[in-house]
Structures are given as C-alpha cells and as structure tokens.
PDB file of N, CA and C in Angstrom:
ATOM      1  N   UNK A   1       0.754  -1.207  -0.091  1.00  0.00           N
ATOM      2  CA  UNK A   1      -0.006   0.241   0.085  1.00  0.00           C
ATOM      3  C   UNK A   1       0.811   1.278   0.014  1.00  0.00           C
ATOM      4  N   UNK A   2       2.042   1.216   0.586  1.00  0.00           N
ATOM      5  CA  UNK A   2       2.870   2.277   0.798  1.00  0.00           C
ATOM      6  C   UNK A   2       3.279   2.826  -0.665  1.00  0.00           C
ATOM      7  N   UNK A   3       3.455   2.020  -1.719  1.00  0.00           N
ATOM      8  CA  UNK A   3       4.058   2.236  -2.806  1.00  0.00           C
ATOM      9  C   UNK A   3       3.041   3.070  -3.536  1.00  0.00           C
ATOM     10  N   UNK A   4       1.573   2.517  -3.359  1.00  0.00           N
ATOM     11  CA  UNK A   4       0.474   3.317  -4.153  1.00  0.00           C
ATOM     12  C   UNK A   4       0.407   4.585  -3.842  1.00  0.00           C
ATOM     13  N   UNK A   5       0.665   4.997  -2.403  1.00  0.00           N
ATOM     14  CA  UNK A   5       0.402   6.333  -1.672  1.00  0.00           C
ATOM     15  C   UNK A   5       1.580   7.055  -2.140  1.00  0.00           C
ATOM     16  N   UNK A   6       2.773   6.619  -2.554  1.00  0.00           N
ATOM     17  CA  UNK A   6       3.815   7.453  -2.986  1.00  0.00           C
ATOM     18  C   UNK A   6       3.425   7.707  -4.388  1.00  0.00           C
ATOM     19  N   UNK A   7       3.086   6.790  -5.282  1.00  0.00           N
ATOM     20  CA  UNK A   7       2.772   7.027  -6.687  1.00  0.00           C
ATOM     21  C   UNK A   7       1.689   8.106  -6.670  1.00  0.00           C
ATOM     22  N   UNK A   8       0.622   8.013  -5.766  1.00  0.00           N
ATOM     23  CA  UNK A   8      -0.603   8.963  -5.910  1.00  0.00           C
ATOM     24  C   UNK A   8       0.094  10.468  -5.611  1.00  0.00           C
ATOM     25  N   UNK A   9       1.001  10.317  -4.693  1.00  0.00           N
ATOM     26  CA  UNK A   9       1.628  11.942  -4.450  1.00  0.00           C
ATOM     27  C   UNK A   9       2.213  12.331  -5.707  1.00  0.00           C
ATOM     28  N   UNK A  10       2.893  11.575  -6.295  1.00  0.00           N
ATOM     29  CA  UNK A  10       3.808  11.943  -7.448  1.00  0.00           C
ATOM     30  C   UNK A  10       2.750  12.471  -8.391  1.00  0.00           C
ATOM     31  N   UNK A  11       1.665  11.551  -8.850  1.00  0.00           N
ATOM     32  CA  UNK A  11       0.665  11.996  -9.916  1.00  0.00           C
ATOM     33  C   UNK A  11      -0.258  13.106  -9.509  1.00  0.00           C
ATOM     34  N   UNK A  12      -0.143  13.484  -8.090  1.00  0.00           N
ATOM     35  CA  UNK A  12      -1.213  14.448  -7.700  1.00  0.00           C
ATOM     36  C   UNK A  12      -0.733  15.981  -7.885  1.00  0.00           C
ATOM     37  N   UNK A  13       0.424  16.105  -8.471  1.00  0.00           N
ATOM     38  CA  UNK A  13       1.078  17.457  -8.697  1.00  0.00           C
ATOM     39  C   UNK A  13       0.980  17.795 -10.046  1.00  0.00           C
ATOM     40  N   UNK A  14       0.471  18.959 -10.701  1.00  0.00           N
ATOM     41  CA  UNK A  14       0.632  19.239 -12.166  1.00  0.00           C
ATOM     42  C   UNK A  14       2.102  19.222 -12.544  1.00  0.00           C
ATOM     43  N   UNK A  15       2.928  19.880 -11.594  1.00  0.00           N
ATOM     44  CA  UNK A  15       4.251  20.175 -12.330  1.00  0.00           C
ATOM     45  C   UNK A  15       5.023  18.896 -12.580  1.00  0.00           C
ATOM     46  N   UNK A  16       4.833  17.856 -11.603  1.00  0.00           N
ATOM     47  CA  UNK A  16       5.410  16.628 -11.549  1.00  0.00           C
ATOM     48  C   UNK A  16       4.830  15.811 -12.922  1.00  0.00           C
ATOM     49  N   UNK A  17       3.521  16.038 -13.066  1.00  0.00           N
ATOM     50  CA  UNK A  17       2.956  15.384 -14.319  1.00  0.00           C
ATOM     51  C   UNK A  17       3.421  15.800 -15.613  1.00  0.00           C
ATOM     52  N   UNK A  18       3.658  17.147 -15.424  1.00  0.00           N
ATOM     53  CA  UNK A  18       4.280  17.808 -16.807  1.00  0.00           C
ATOM     54  C   UNK A  18       5.768  17.423 -17.039  1.00  0.00           C
ATOM     55  N   UNK A  19       6.457  17.103 -15.864  1.00  0.00           N
ATOM     56  CA  UNK A  19       7.958  16.641 -15.969  1.00  0.00           C
ATOM     57  C   UNK A  19       7.777  15.319 -16.468  1.00  0.00           C
ATOM     58  N   UNK A  20       7.010  14.455 -15.969  1.00  0.00           N
ATOM     59  CA  UNK A  20       6.816  13.242 -16.551  1.00  0.00           C
ATOM     60  C   UNK A  20       6.633  13.137 -18.116  1.00  0.00           C
ATOM     61  N   UNK A  21       5.546  13.796 -18.329  1.00  0.00           N
ATOM     62  CA  UNK A  21       5.111  13.806 -19.729  1.00  0.00           C
ATOM     63  C   UNK A  21       6.183  14.411 -20.675  1.00  0.00           C
ATOM     64  N   UNK A  22       7.091  15.593 -20.319  1.00  0.00           N
ATOM     65  CA  UNK A  22       8.186  16.027 -20.924  1.00  0.00           C
ATOM     66  C   UNK A  22       9.243  14.997 -21.103  1.00  0.00           C
ATOM     67  N   UNK A  23       9.537  14.317 -20.267  1.00  0.00           N
ATOM     68  CA  UNK A  23      10.488  13.233 -20.126  1.00  0.00           C
ATOM     69  C   UNK A  23      10.059  12.071 -21.169  1.00  0.00           C
ATOM     70  N   UNK A  24       8.873  11.842 -21.100  1.00  0.00           N
ATOM     71  CA  UNK A  24       8.153  10.778 -22.085  1.00  0.00           C
ATOM     72  C   UNK A  24       8.599  11.142 -23.520  1.00  0.00           C
ATOM     73  N   UNK A  25       8.196  12.667 -23.564  1.00  0.00           N
ATOM     74  CA  UNK A  25       8.221  12.870 -25.024  1.00  0.00           C
ATOM     75  C   UNK A  25       9.715  13.187 -25.508  1.00  0.00           C
ATOM     76  N   UNK A  26      10.573  13.627 -24.660  1.00  0.00           N
ATOM     77  CA  UNK A  26      12.083  13.884 -24.971  1.00  0.00           C
ATOM     78  C   UNK A  26      12.985  12.851 -24.726  1.00  0.00           C
ATOM     79  N   UNK A  27      12.667  11.806 -23.802  1.00  0.00           N
ATOM     80  CA  UNK A  27      13.309  10.720 -23.451  1.00  0.00           C
ATOM     81  C   UNK A  27      14.287  10.862 -22.525  1.00  0.00           C
ATOM     82  N   UNK A  28      15.178  11.982 -22.588  1.00  0.00           N
ATOM     83  CA  UNK A  28      16.314  12.327 -21.556  1.00  0.00           C
ATOM     84  C   UNK A  28      16.557  13.647 -21.430  1.00  0.00           C
ATOM     85  N   UNK A  29      16.655  14.234 -20.404  1.00  0.00           N
ATOM     86  CA  UNK A  29      16.790  15.843 -19.992  1.00  0.00           C
ATOM     87  C   UNK A  29      17.452  15.972 -18.872  1.00  0.00           C
ATOM     88  N   UNK A  30      18.170  17.206 -18.967  1.00  0.00           N
ATOM     89  CA  UNK A  30      18.815  17.539 -17.513  1.00  0.00           C
ATOM     90  C   UNK A  30      17.987  18.473 -17.134  1.00  0.00           C
ATOM     91  N   UNK A  31      18.102  18.880 -15.858  1.00  0.00           N
ATOM     92  CA  UNK A  31      17.402  19.836 -14.951  1.00  0.00           C
ATOM     93  C   UNK A  31      17.168  21.083 -15.603  1.00  0.00           C
ATOM     94  N   UNK A  32      18.152  21.464 -16.196  1.00  0.00           N
ATOM     95  CA  UNK A  32      17.999  23.156 -16.822  1.00  0.00           C
ATOM     96  C   UNK A  32      17.117  22.921 -18.007  1.00  0.00           C
ATOM     97  N   UNK A  33      17.081  21.767 -18.738  1.00  0.00           N
ATOM     98  CA  UNK A  33      16.018  21.700 -19.824  1.00  0.00           C
ATOM     99  C   UNK A  33      14.658  21.646 -19.527  1.00  0.00           C
ATOM    100  N   UNK A  34      14.490  21.003 -18.106  1.00  0.00           N
ATOM    101  CA  UNK A  34      13.082  21.041 -17.661  1.00  0.00           C
ATOM    102  C   UNK A  34      12.792  22.461 -17.163  1.00  0.00           C
ATOM    103  N   UNK A  35      13.631  23.024 -16.283  1.00  0.00           N
ATOM    104  CA  UNK A  35      13.493  24.275 -15.700  1.00  0.00           C
ATOM    105  C   UNK A  35      12.973  25.417 -16.969  1.00  0.00           C
ATOM    106  N   UNK A  36      13.835  25.311 -18.005  1.00  0.00           N
ATOM    107  CA  UNK A  36      13.600  26.206 -19.006  1.00  0.00           C
ATOM    108  C   UNK A  36      12.203  26.150 -19.892  1.00  0.00           C
ATOM    109  N   UNK A  37      11.980  24.886 -20.119  1.00  0.00           N
ATOM    110  CA  UNK A  37      10.827  24.564 -20.884  1.00  0.00           C
ATOM    111  C   UNK A  37       9.625  24.662 -20.282  1.00  0.00           C
ATOM    112  N   UNK A  38       9.643  24.212 -18.824  1.00  0.00           N
ATOM    113  CA  UNK A  38       8.377  24.357 -18.257  1.00  0.00           C
ATOM    114  C   UNK A  38       8.394  25.648 -17.211  1.00  0.00           C
ATOM    115  N   UNK A  39       9.339  26.449 -17.534  1.00  0.00           N
ATOM    116  CA  UNK A  39       9.402  27.772 -16.591  1.00  0.00           C
ATOM    117  C   UNK A  39       9.250  27.682 -15.270  1.00  0.00           C
ATOM    118  N   UNK A  40       9.953  26.523 -14.610  1.00  0.00           N
ATOM    119  CA  UNK A  40      10.074  26.240 -13.221  1.00  0.00           C
ATOM    120  C   UNK A  40      11.484  26.679 -12.702  1.00  0.00           C
ATOM    121  N   UNK A  41      11.454  26.799 -11.381  1.00  0.00           N
ATOM    122  CA  UNK A  41      12.732  26.999 -10.759  1.00  0.00           C
ATOM    123  C   UNK A  41      13.465  25.763 -10.379  1.00  0.00           C
ATOM    124  N   UNK A  42      14.853  25.937 -10.355  1.00  0.00           N
ATOM    125  CA  UNK A  42      15.651  24.688 -10.290  1.00  0.00           C
ATOM    126  C   UNK A  42      15.416  23.994  -9.040  1.00  0.00           C
ATOM    127  N   UNK A  43      15.183  24.715  -7.939  1.00  0.00           N
ATOM    128  CA  UNK A  43      14.969  24.109  -6.616  1.00  0.00           C
ATOM    129  C   UNK A  43      13.598  23.154  -6.714  1.00  0.00           C
ATOM    130  N   UNK A  44      12.682  23.763  -7.166  1.00  0.00           N
ATOM    131  CA  UNK A  44      11.495  23.253  -7.305  1.00  0.00           C
ATOM    132  C   UNK A  44      11.681  21.800  -8.142  1.00  0.00           C
ATOM    133  N   UNK A  45      12.342  22.078  -9.398  1.00  0.00           N
ATOM    134  CA  UNK A  45      12.359  20.749 -10.318  1.00  0.00           C
ATOM    135  C   UNK A  45      13.110  19.869  -9.881  1.00  0.00           C
ATOM    136  N   UNK A  46      14.284  20.148  -9.009  1.00  0.00           N
ATOM    137  CA  UNK A  46      15.118  19.206  -8.230  1.00  0.00           C
ATOM    138  C   UNK A  46      14.437  18.349  -7.189  1.00  0.00           C
ATOM    139  N   UNK A  47      13.527  19.059  -6.476  1.00  0.00           N
ATOM    140  CA  UNK A  47      12.584  18.322  -5.377  1.00  0.00           C
ATOM    141  C   UNK A  47      11.717  17.474  -5.881  1.00  0.00           C
ATOM    142  N   UNK A  48      10.798  17.853  -7.074  1.00  0.00           N
ATOM    143  CA  UNK A  48       9.903  17.066  -7.715  1.00  0.00           C
ATOM    144  C   UNK A  48      10.705  15.734  -8.464  1.00  0.00           C
ATOM    145  N   UNK A  49      12.091  16.204  -8.829  1.00  0.00           N
ATOM    146  CA  UNK A  49      12.792  14.950  -9.466  1.00  0.00           C
ATOM    147  C   UNK A  49      13.004  13.843  -8.370  1.00  0.00           C
ATOM    148  N   UNK A  50      13.514  14.374  -7.312  1.00  0.00           N
ATOM    149  CA  UNK A  50      13.746  13.527  -6.019  1.00  0.00           C
ATOM    150  C   UNK A  50      12.693  12.631  -5.791  1.00  0.00           C
ATOM    151  N   UNK A  51      11.246  13.301  -5.516  1.00  0.00           N
ATOM    152  CA  UNK A  51      10.236  12.385  -5.200  1.00  0.00           C
ATOM    153  C   UNK A  51       9.963  11.259  -6.245  1.00  0.00           C
ATOM    154  N   UNK A  52      10.128  11.839  -7.648  1.00  0.00           N
ATOM    155  CA  UNK A  52       9.838  10.830  -8.597  1.00  0.00           C
ATOM    156  C   UNK A  52      10.881   9.720  -8.713  1.00  0.00           C
ATOM    157  N   UNK A  53      12.092  10.029  -8.187  1.00  0.00           N
ATOM    158  CA  UNK A  53      13.282   8.860  -8.052  1.00  0.00           C
ATOM    159  C   UNK A  53      12.951   8.027  -6.921  1.00  0.00           C
ATOM    160  N   UNK A  54      12.467   8.513  -5.878  1.00  0.00           N
ATOM    161  CA  UNK A  54      11.954   7.791  -4.630  1.00  0.00           C
ATOM    162  C   UNK A  54      10.591   6.824  -4.951  1.00  0.00           C
ATOM    163  N   UNK A  55       9.905   7.266  -5.777  1.00  0.00           N
ATOM    164  CA  UNK A  55       8.901   6.446  -6.290  1.00  0.00           C
ATOM    165  C   UNK A  55       9.360   5.477  -7.344  1.00  0.00           C
ATOM    166  N   UNK A  56      10.444   5.355  -7.770  1.00  0.00           N
ATOM    167  CA  UNK A  56      10.939   4.560  -8.862  1.00  0.00           C
ATOM    168  C   UNK A  56      10.659   4.832 -10.200  1.00  0.00           C
ATOM    169  N   UNK A  57      10.129   6.123 -10.472  1.00  0.00           N
ATOM    170  CA  UNK A  57       9.513   6.396 -11.782  1.00  0.00           C
ATOM    171  C   UNK A  57      10.666   7.007 -12.649  1.00  0.00           C
ATOM    172  N   UNK A  58      11.668   7.690 -12.147  1.00  0.00           N
ATOM    173  CA  UNK A  58      12.721   8.488 -12.790  1.00  0.00           C
ATOM    174  C   UNK A  58      14.126   7.771 -12.308  1.00  0.00           C
ATOM    175  N   UNK A  59      14.888   7.630 -13.603  1.00  0.00           N
ATOM    176  CA  UNK A  59      16.374   6.987 -13.341  1.00  0.00           C
ATOM    177  C   UNK A  59      17.328   8.120 -13.768  1.00  0.00           C
ATOM    178  N   UNK A  60      18.432   8.037 -13.366  1.00  0.00           N
ATOM    179  CA  UNK A  60      19.663   9.139 -13.698  1.00  0.00           C
ATOM    180  C   UNK A  60      20.915   8.348 -14.181  1.00  0.00           C
ATOM    181  N   UNK A  61      21.554   9.097 -14.985  1.00  0.00           N
ATOM    182  CA  UNK A  61      22.838   8.719 -15.387  1.00  0.00           C
ATOM    183  C   UNK A  61      23.776   9.915 -15.397  1.00  0.00           C
ATOM    184  N   UNK A  62      25.024   9.667 -15.283  1.00  0.00           N
ATOM    185  CA  UNK A  62      25.910  10.786 -15.181  1.00  0.00           C
ATOM    186  C   UNK A  62      26.573  10.882 -16.782  1.00  0.00           C
ATOM    187  N   UNK A  63      26.476  12.214 -17.260  1.00  0.00           N
ATOM    188  CA  UNK A  63      27.016  12.532 -18.400  1.00  0.00           C
ATOM    189  C   UNK A  63      28.054  13.577 -18.325  1.00  0.00           C
ATOM    190  N   UNK A  64      29.158  13.432 -18.062  1.00  0.00           N
ATOM    191  CA  UNK A  64      30.410  14.370 -17.677  1.00  0.00           C
ATOM    192  C   UNK A  64      29.964  14.984 -16.244  1.00  0.00           C
ATOM    193  N   UNK A  65      29.716  16.309 -16.227  1.00  0.00           N
ATOM    194  CA  UNK A  65      29.226  16.934 -14.942  1.00  0.00           C
ATOM    195  C   UNK A  65      27.744  17.125 -14.829  1.00  0.00           C
ATOM    196  N   UNK A  66      27.037  16.670 -15.909  1.00  0.00           N
ATOM    197  CA  UNK A  66      25.520  16.444 -15.849  1.00  0.00           C
ATOM    198  C   UNK A  66      24.838  15.397 -15.455  1.00  0.00           C
ATOM    199  N   UNK A  67      23.754  15.650 -14.762  1.00  0.00           N
ATOM    200  CA  UNK A  67      23.091  14.411 -14.444  1.00  0.00           C
ATOM    201  C   UNK A  67      21.829  14.422 -15.330  1.00  0.00           C
ATOM    202  N   UNK A  68      21.592  13.299 -16.103  1.00  0.00           N
ATOM    203  CA  UNK A  68      20.582  13.234 -17.107  1.00  0.00           C
ATOM    204  C   UNK A  68      19.427  12.217 -16.563  1.00  0.00           C
ATOM    205  N   UNK A  69      18.271  12.640 -16.600  1.00  0.00           N
ATOM    206  CA  UNK A  69      16.989  11.911 -16.273  1.00  0.00           C
ATOM    207  C   UNK A  69      16.171  11.521 -17.272  1.00  0.00           C
ATOM    208  N   UNK A  70      15.758  10.145 -17.108  1.00  0.00           N
ATOM    209  CA  UNK A  70      14.792   9.616 -17.865  1.00  0.00           C
ATOM    210  C   UNK A  70      13.780   8.717 -17.230  1.00  0.00           C
ATOM    211  N   UNK A  71      12.719   8.327 -17.916  1.00  0.00           N
ATOM    212  CA  UNK A  71      11.679   7.432 -17.029  1.00  0.00           C
ATOM    213  C   UNK A  71      12.081   6.107 -17.164  1.00  0.00           C
ATOM    214  N   UNK A  72      11.894   5.131 -16.137  1.00  0.00           N
ATOM    215  CA  UNK A  72      11.734   3.899 -16.037  1.00  0.00           C
ATOM    216  C   UNK A  72      10.686   3.333 -16.888  1.00  0.00           C
ATOM    217  N   UNK A  73      10.797   2.060 -17.516  1.00  0.00           N
ATOM    218  CA  UNK A  73       9.691   1.489 -18.184  1.00  0.00           C
ATOM    219  C   UNK A  73       8.913   0.696 -17.159  1.00  0.00           C
ATOM    220  N   UNK A  74       7.696   0.968 -16.784  1.00  0.00           N
ATOM    221  CA  UNK A  74       7.041   0.252 -16.005  1.00  0.00           C
ATOM    222  C   UNK A  74       5.323   0.289 -16.289  1.00  0.00           C
ATOM    223  N   UNK A  75       4.745  -0.907 -15.840  1.00  0.00           N
ATOM    224  CA  UNK A  75       3.313  -0.912 -16.427  1.00  0.00           C
ATOM    225  C   UNK A  75       2.543   0.371 -15.676  1.00  0.00           C
ATOM    226  N   UNK A  76       2.585   0.697 -14.739  1.00  0.00           N
ATOM    227  CA  UNK A  76       1.916   1.695 -14.009  1.00  0.00           C
ATOM    228  C   UNK A  76       2.155   3.015 -14.823  1.00  0.00           C
ATOM    229  N   UNK A  77       3.344   3.386 -15.093  1.00  0.00           N
ATOM    230  CA  UNK A  77       3.784   4.564 -15.825  1.00  0.00           C
ATOM    231  C   UNK A  77       3.188   4.451 -17.351  1.00  0.00           C
ATOM    232  N   UNK A  78       3.112   3.303 -17.721  1.00  0.00           N
ATOM    233  CA  UNK A  78       2.728   3.242 -19.159  1.00  0.00           C
ATOM    234  C   UNK A  78       1.214   3.374 -19.292  1.00  0.00           C
ATOM    235  N   UNK A  79       0.464   2.986 -18.319  1.00  0.00           N
ATOM    236  CA  UNK A  79      -0.978   3.313 -18.192  1.00  0.00           C
ATOM    237  C   UNK A  79      -1.129   4.819 -17.983  1.00  0.00           C
ATOM    238  N   UNK A  80      -0.433   5.332 -17.221  1.00  0.00           N
ATOM    239  CA  UNK A  80      -0.597   6.874 -16.808  1.00  0.00           C
ATOM    240  C   UNK A  80      -0.289   7.580 -18.031  1.00  0.00           C
ATOM    241  N   UNK A  81       0.758   7.427 -18.724  1.00  0.00           N
ATOM    242  CA  UNK A  81       1.328   8.060 -20.169  1.00  0.00           C
ATOM    243  C   UNK A  81       0.116   8.087 -21.011  1.00  0.00           C
ATOM    244  N   UNK A  82      -0.641   6.528 -21.167  1.00  0.00           N
ATOM    245  CA  UNK A  82      -1.766   6.497 -22.195  1.00  0.00           C
ATOM    246  C   UNK A  82      -2.836   7.264 -21.861  1.00  0.00           C
ATOM    247  N   UNK A  83      -3.059   7.880 -20.580  1.00  0.00           N
ATOM    248  CA  UNK A  83      -4.077   8.669 -20.089  1.00  0.00           C
ATOM    249  C   UNK A  83      -3.942  10.085 -20.567  1.00  0.00           C
ATOM    250  N   UNK A  84      -2.644  10.366 -20.521  1.00  0.00           N
ATOM    251  CA  UNK A  84      -2.131  12.048 -20.614  1.00  0.00           C
ATOM    252  C   UNK A  84      -1.586  12.006 -22.069  1.00  0.00           C
ATOM    253  N   UNK A  85      -1.787  11.164 -22.840  1.00  0.00           N
ATOM    254  CA  UNK A  85      -1.162  11.176 -24.226  1.00  0.00           C
ATOM    255  C   UNK A  85      -1.556  12.675 -24.988  1.00  0.00           C
ATOM    256  N   UNK A  86      -2.750  12.882 -24.955  1.00  0.00           N
ATOM    257  CA  UNK A  86      -3.032  14.039 -25.619  1.00  0.00           C
ATOM    258  C   UNK A  86      -2.493  15.530 -24.950  1.00  0.00           C
ATOM    259  N   UNK A  87      -2.406  15.494 -23.798  1.00  0.00           N
ATOM    260  CA  UNK A  87      -1.836  16.463 -23.045  1.00  0.00           C
ATOM    261  C   UNK A  87      -0.232  16.631 -23.445  1.00  0.00           C
ATOM    262  N   UNK A  88       0.420  15.547 -23.670  1.00  0.00           N
ATOM    263  CA  UNK A  88       1.856  15.552 -23.956  1.00  0.00           C
ATOM    264  C   UNK A  88       2.121  16.199 -25.103  1.00  0.00           C
ATOM    265  N   UNK A  89       1.181  16.153 -25.996  1.00  0.00           N
ATOM    266  CA  UNK A  89       1.367  17.076 -27.245  1.00  0.00           C
ATOM    267  C   UNK A  89       1.201  18.425 -27.114  1.00  0.00           C
ATOM    268  N   UNK A  90       0.451  18.870 -25.951  1.00  0.00           N
ATOM    269  CA  UNK A  90       0.253  20.495 -25.789  1.00  0.00           C
ATOM    270  C   UNK A  90       1.476  21.043 -24.918  1.00  0.00           C
ATOM    271  N   UNK A  91       2.554  20.419 -24.508  1.00  0.00           N
ATOM    272  CA  UNK A  91       3.658  20.881 -23.753  1.00  0.00           C
ATOM    273  C   UNK A  91       4.313  21.977 -24.728  1.00  0.00           C
ATOM    274  N   UNK A  92       4.904  22.759 -24.114  1.00  0.00           N
ATOM    275  CA  UNK A  92       5.670  23.809 -24.689  1.00  0.00           C
ATOM    276  C   UNK A  92       6.866  23.106 -25.426  1.00  0.00           C
ATOM    277  N   UNK A  93       7.382  23.602 -26.620  1.00  0.00           N
ATOM    278  CA  UNK A  93       8.429  23.177 -27.247  1.00  0.00           C
ATOM    279  C   UNK A  93       9.903  23.113 -26.509  1.00  0.00           C
ATOM    280  N   UNK A  94      10.508  22.047 -26.483  1.00  0.00           N
ATOM    281  CA  UNK A  94      11.664  21.793 -25.674  1.00  0.00           C
ATOM    282  C   UNK A  94      12.761  23.017 -25.843  1.00  0.00           C
ATOM    283  N   UNK A  95      13.251  23.515 -24.809  1.00  0.00           N
ATOM    284  CA  UNK A  95      14.365  24.375 -24.928  1.00  0.00           C
ATOM    285  C   UNK A  95      15.559  23.571 -24.533  1.00  0.00           C
ATOM    286  N   UNK A  96      16.519  23.313 -25.353  1.00  0.00           N
ATOM    287  CA  UNK A  96      17.772  22.694 -25.116  1.00  0.00           C
ATOM    288  C   UNK A  96      18.827  23.333 -24.372  1.00  0.00           C
ATOM    289  N   UNK A  97      19.451  22.691 -23.664  1.00  0.00           N
ATOM    290  CA  UNK A  97      20.628  23.140 -22.661  1.00  0.00           C
ATOM    291  C   UNK A  97      21.781  23.343 -23.629  1.00  0.00           C
ATOM    292  N   UNK A  98      22.284  24.520 -23.594  1.00  0.00           N
ATOM    293  CA  UNK A  98      23.315  24.855 -24.618  1.00  0.00           C
ATOM    294  C   UNK A  98      24.563  24.536 -23.734  1.00  0.00           C
ATOM    295  N   UNK A  99      24.681  24.447 -22.462  1.00  0.00           N
ATOM    296  CA  UNK A  99      25.811  24.398 -21.714  1.00  0.00           C
ATOM    297  C   UNK A  99      26.270  22.698 -21.724  1.00  0.00           C
ATOM    298  N   UNK A 100      25.326  21.804 -22.169  1.00  0.00           N
ATOM    299  CA  UNK A 100      25.596  20.482 -21.973  1.00  0.00           C
ATOM    300  C   UNK A 100      26.306  20.021 -23.210  1.00  0.00           C
TER     301      UNK A 100
END
C-alpha cells in the first residue's frame, strides 16, 4: 500500500505530471532543460525529481558533470502516459541546454 500512496502523491501535482510527460516525449533531460521548458525554478524541479526517483519512476545517469534524467519503463507509468497522451502534445517546445 505504501508504494501506491507514494505514486499517488507523485501523480497529484501538475508540475510533476508535466515533468513526466516532458521526459516521455524527449526521452532524456537535464534539470536546466526541464526548468527552461516548463518555466519552473531549479530548486522546485530538483525536489520534484527527487520525489519521482523515490517512487522509482525516474532514473539518472551521469554524463560528464551533468545528471541526465529519464523514465523507467513500468506498467503503471505506461498506463498513466496513455491517459495523458493528448496533453503531452500540448507541452511547450523543448528548450535545449546549450551548456551540456
């Protein structure tokens, strides 16, 4: 039951839902790309990403000095992404990180 509560908390915030949708669309993102594209502050995005990592929805990899975020493939996330598919297309155009 605890895992369900953690997932429900992740999916209950519009900014986390937008981050998940953007990651699904773009496959891999750094924090600055999420911040710039969704016009959110870096501390807020980092806090959201930590919650998503704790829920085992987001994974990371090191690329030089950058941490790159992507989604785990799992059944729950797949169902969720099917539900929000049309909203994914409405997200703003990705602003790429020039420093990476």
